[in-house]
C-alpha atoms as a PDB file:
ATOM      1  CA  MET A   1      13.068   8.966 -30.705  1.00  0.00           C
ATOM      2  CA  ASP A   2      16.705   9.117 -30.381  1.00  0.00           C
ATOM      3  CA  SER A   3      17.138  12.755 -30.689  1.00  0.00           C
ATOM      4  CA  LEU A   4      17.357  14.933 -27.479  1.00  0.00           C
ATOM      5  CA  ILE A   5      14.770  17.030 -28.791  1.00  0.00           C
ATOM      6  CA  GLY A   6      12.349  14.372 -29.470  1.00  0.00           C
ATOM      7  CA  MET A   7      12.566  12.943 -25.722  1.00  0.00           C
ATOM      8  CA  LEU A   8      12.511  16.721 -24.482  1.00  0.00           C
ATOM      9  CA  VAL A   9       9.412  17.018 -26.288  1.00  0.00           C
ATOM     10  CA  VAL A  10       7.504  14.073 -25.078  1.00  0.00           C
ATOM     11  CA  LEU A  11       8.709  14.551 -21.631  1.00  0.00           C
ATOM     12  CA  ALA A  12       7.344  18.204 -21.863  1.00  0.00           C
ATOM     13  CA  ALA A  13       4.108  16.885 -22.839  1.00  0.00           C
ATOM     14  CA  ALA A  14       3.790  14.264 -20.205  1.00  0.00           C
ATOM     15  CA  VAL A  15       4.578  16.715 -17.545  1.00  0.00           C
ATOM     16  CA  LEU A  16       2.735  19.755 -18.319  1.00  0.00           C
ATOM     17  CA  PHE A  17      -0.545  19.847 -16.199  1.00  0.00           C
ATOM     18  CA  VAL A  18       1.346  17.782 -13.325  1.00  0.00           C
ATOM     19  CA  PRO A  19       1.766  20.839 -11.109  1.00  0.00           C
ATOM     20  CA  ALA A  20      -1.968  22.247 -11.659  1.00  0.00           C
ATOM     21  CA  LEU A  21      -3.188  18.953 -10.698  1.00  0.00           C
ATOM     22  CA  ASN A  22      -0.975  18.346  -7.888  1.00  0.00           C
ATOM     23  CA  SER A  23      -1.905  21.752  -6.475  1.00  0.00           C
ATOM     24  CA  ALA A  24      -5.819  21.095  -6.957  1.00  0.00           C
ATOM     25  CA  LEU A  25      -5.598  17.665  -5.198  1.00  0.00           C
ATOM     26  CA  LEU A  26      -3.107  18.695  -2.332  1.00  0.00           C
ATOM     27  CA  GLY A  27      -5.472  22.120  -2.109  1.00  0.00           C
ATOM     28  CA  TYR A  28      -8.722  19.708  -1.729  1.00  0.00           C
ATOM     29  CA  PHE A  29      -6.891  17.449   0.673  1.00  0.00           C
ATOM     30  CA  MET A  30      -6.108  20.335   2.929  1.00  0.00           C
ATOM     31  CA  VAL A  31      -9.957  21.273   2.794  1.00  0.00           C
ATOM     32  CA  ALA A  32     -11.223  17.778   3.114  1.00  0.00           C
ATOM     33  CA  VAL A  33      -8.835  16.577   5.974  1.00  0.00           C
ATOM     34  CA  PRO A  34      -9.727  17.750   9.695  1.00  0.00           C
ATOM     35  CA  THR A  35      -7.109  20.122  11.034  1.00  0.00           C
ATOM     36  CA  GLN A  36      -6.251  17.912  13.765  1.00  0.00           C
ATOM     37  CA  MET A  37      -5.841  14.792  11.421  1.00  0.00           C
ATOM     38  CA  LEU A  38      -3.430  16.813   8.887  1.00  0.00           C
ATOM     39  CA  GLY A  39      -0.341  15.884  10.171  1.00  0.00           C
ATOM     40  CA  ARG A  40      -1.038  12.176  10.246  1.00  0.00           C
ATOM     41  CA  ALA A  41      -3.084  12.179   7.233  1.00  0.00           C
ATOM     42  CA  ASN A  42      -0.247  14.112   5.564  1.00  0.00           C
ATOM     43  CA  SER A  43       2.558  11.688   6.693  1.00  0.00           C
ATOM     44  CA  ALA A  44       0.624   8.314   5.467  1.00  0.00           C
ATOM     45  CA  MET A  45       0.142  10.278   2.212  1.00  0.00           C
ATOM     46  CA  GLN A  46       4.128  11.108   2.045  1.00  0.00           C
ATOM     47  CA  VAL A  47       5.038   7.346   3.272  1.00  0.00           C
ATOM     48  CA  LEU A  48       3.172   6.323   0.087  1.00  0.00           C
ATOM     49  CA  ALA A  49       4.061   8.925  -2.258  1.00  0.00           C
ATOM     50  CA  MET A  50       7.997   8.620  -1.536  1.00  0.00           C
ATOM     51  CA  GLY A  51       7.933   4.918  -0.722  1.00  0.00           C
ATOM     52  CA  ALA A  52       7.136   4.370  -4.457  1.00  0.00           C
ATOM     53  CA  MET A  53      10.045   6.600  -5.721  1.00  0.00           C
ATOM     54  CA  PRO A  54      12.583   3.958  -5.616  1.00  0.00           C
ATOM     55  CA  LEU A  55      10.481   1.590  -7.421  1.00  0.00           C
ATOM     56  CA  ALA A  56      11.270   3.355 -10.730  1.00  0.00           C
ATOM     57  CA  PRO A  57      15.024   3.105 -11.059  1.00  0.00           C
ATOM     58  CA  VAL A  58      14.397  -0.743 -10.179  1.00  0.00           C
ATOM     59  CA  VAL A  59      11.849  -1.273 -12.597  1.00  0.00           C
ATOM     60  CA  ALA A  60      13.971   0.552 -15.107  1.00  0.00           C
ATOM     61  CA  GLY A  61      17.522  -1.241 -14.073  1.00  0.00           C
ATOM     62  CA  PHE A  62      15.801  -4.620 -14.114  1.00  0.00           C
ATOM     63  CA  GLY A  63      13.504  -4.047 -17.551  1.00  0.00           C
ATOM     64  CA  LEU A  64      16.954  -2.362 -19.512  1.00  0.00           C
ATOM     65  CA  SER A  65      19.095  -5.366 -18.372  1.00  0.00           C
ATOM     66  CA  TRP A  66      16.482  -8.177 -18.692  1.00  0.00           C
ATOM     67  CA  ALA A  67      14.280  -7.021 -21.615  1.00  0.00           C
ATOM     68  CA  GLY A  68      16.119  -4.212 -23.394  1.00  0.00           C
ATOM     69  CA  ARG A  69      15.169  -0.717 -23.986  1.00  0.00           C
ATOM     70  CA  THR A  70      11.923  -0.783 -26.191  1.00  0.00           C
ATOM     71  CA  PRO A  71      10.079  -3.199 -24.001  1.00  0.00           C
ATOM     72  CA  THR A  72      11.162  -1.365 -20.918  1.00  0.00           C
ATOM     73  CA  LEU A  73       9.830   1.888 -22.042  1.00  0.00           C
ATOM     74  CA  LEU A  74       6.446   0.165 -23.480  1.00  0.00           C
ATOM     75  CA  PHE A  75       5.885  -1.372 -20.013  1.00  0.00           C
ATOM     76  CA  CYS A  76       6.424   1.797 -18.143  1.00  0.00           C
ATOM     77  CA  GLY A  77       4.338   3.884 -20.627  1.00  0.00           C
ATOM     78  CA  ALA A  78       1.782   1.209 -20.295  1.00  0.00           C
ATOM     79  CA  LEU A  79       2.031   1.862 -16.462  1.00  0.00           C
ATOM     80  CA  CYS A  80       1.272   5.346 -17.106  1.00  0.00           C
ATOM     81  CA  VAL A  81      -1.308   4.892 -19.244  1.00  0.00           C
ATOM     82  CA  VAL A  82      -3.242   2.356 -16.607  1.00  0.00           C
ATOM     83  CA  ALA A  83      -2.566   4.958 -13.778  1.00  0.00           C
ATOM     84  CA  ALA A  84      -4.203   7.729 -16.239  1.00  0.00           C
ATOM     85  CA  LEU A  85      -7.032   5.786 -16.811  1.00  0.00           C
ATOM     86  CA  VAL A  86      -7.633   4.845 -13.105  1.00  0.00           C
ATOM     87  CA  SER A  87      -7.852   8.603 -12.805  1.00  0.00           C
ATOM     88  CA  VAL A  88     -10.156   9.263 -15.410  1.00  0.00           C
ATOM     89  CA  THR A  89     -12.530   6.809 -14.374  1.00  0.00           C
ATOM     90  CA  ASN A  90     -12.618   7.411 -10.894  1.00  0.00           C
ATOM     91  CA  ARG A  91     -15.924   9.087 -10.333  1.00  0.00           C
ATOM     92  CA  GLY A  92     -15.017  10.476  -6.981  1.00  0.00           C
ATOM     93  CA  LEU A  93     -12.327  12.425  -8.404  1.00  0.00           C
ATOM     94  CA  ARG A  94     -14.265  13.569 -11.365  1.00  0.00           C
ATOM     95  CA  SER A  95     -17.020  14.824  -9.258  1.00  0.00           C
ATOM     96  CA  LEU A  96     -14.722  17.024  -7.060  1.00  0.00           C
ATOM     97  CA  PRO A  97     -16.085  20.608  -7.576  1.00  0.00           C
ATOM     98  CA  VAL A  98     -13.906  24.003  -8.349  1.00  0.00           C
ATOM     99  CA  GLU A  99     -12.185  25.586  -5.544  1.00  0.00           C
ATOM    100  CA  SER A 100     -15.086  27.838  -4.345  1.00  0.00           C
ATOM    101  CA  GLY A 101     -17.206  24.278  -3.846  1.00  0.00           C
ATOM    102  CA  TRP A 102     -14.455  22.206  -1.801  1.00  0.00           C
ATOM    103  CA  SER A 103     -15.643  23.245   1.881  1.00  0.00           C
ATOM    104  CA  GLY A 104     -19.297  22.260   1.141  1.00  0.00           C
ATOM    105  CA  HIS A 105     -18.063  19.074  -0.749  1.00  0.00           C
ATOM    106  CA  ALA A 106     -16.014  17.806   1.767  1.00  0.00           C
ATOM    107  CA  SER A 107     -18.316  18.591   4.577  1.00  0.00           C
ATOM    108  CA  ARG A 108     -21.339  16.976   2.794  1.00  0.00           C
ATOM    109  CA  PHE A 109     -18.662  13.654   2.048  1.00  0.00           C
ATOM    110  CA  ALA A 110     -17.839  13.431   6.171  1.00  0.00           C
ATOM    111  CA  ARG A 111     -21.758  13.798   6.847  1.00  0.00           C
ATOM    112  CA  ASP A 112     -22.809  10.996   4.795  1.00  0.00           C
ATOM    113  CA  GLY A 113     -20.230   8.746   6.467  1.00  0.00           C
ATOM    114  CA  GLY A 114     -17.340   8.636   3.750  1.00  0.00           C
ATOM    115  CA  ARG A 115     -19.344   8.136   0.461  1.00  0.00           C
ATOM    116  CA  PRO A 116     -19.415  11.026  -2.221  1.00  0.00           C
ATOM    117  CA  GLN A 117     -22.637  12.495  -2.923  1.00  0.00           C
ATOM    118  CA  GLY A 118     -25.241  10.239  -4.995  1.00  0.00           C
ATOM    119  CA  GLU A 119     -23.446   7.040  -4.163  1.00  0.00           C
ATOM    120  CA  ALA A 120     -25.108   4.200  -1.963  1.00  0.00           C
END
């Protein structure tokens, strides 16, 4: 893994589907959130997303100085695996329909008191 080509291949494979996933989730977000609440909901989402960004250099810096390269990379890789597992096992996220069904799904979700269809 010390070669630049190897690192680029791993990075490219890791981020290959990020733009499509990001577009889909934000597209559904725009449909599901009531128009009058979009500004506030988007601000809250951005605070959480952007607020977490400075944590990566902090974790990397302390990890590299305290534990070294390999343990730090393994720890960060494990965080990514945990995040992926949480996403994959999230029933609500997996039950999102294709784009043509977003409006109906969002309205059913709102009508059912904030619970996805099929959950008690």
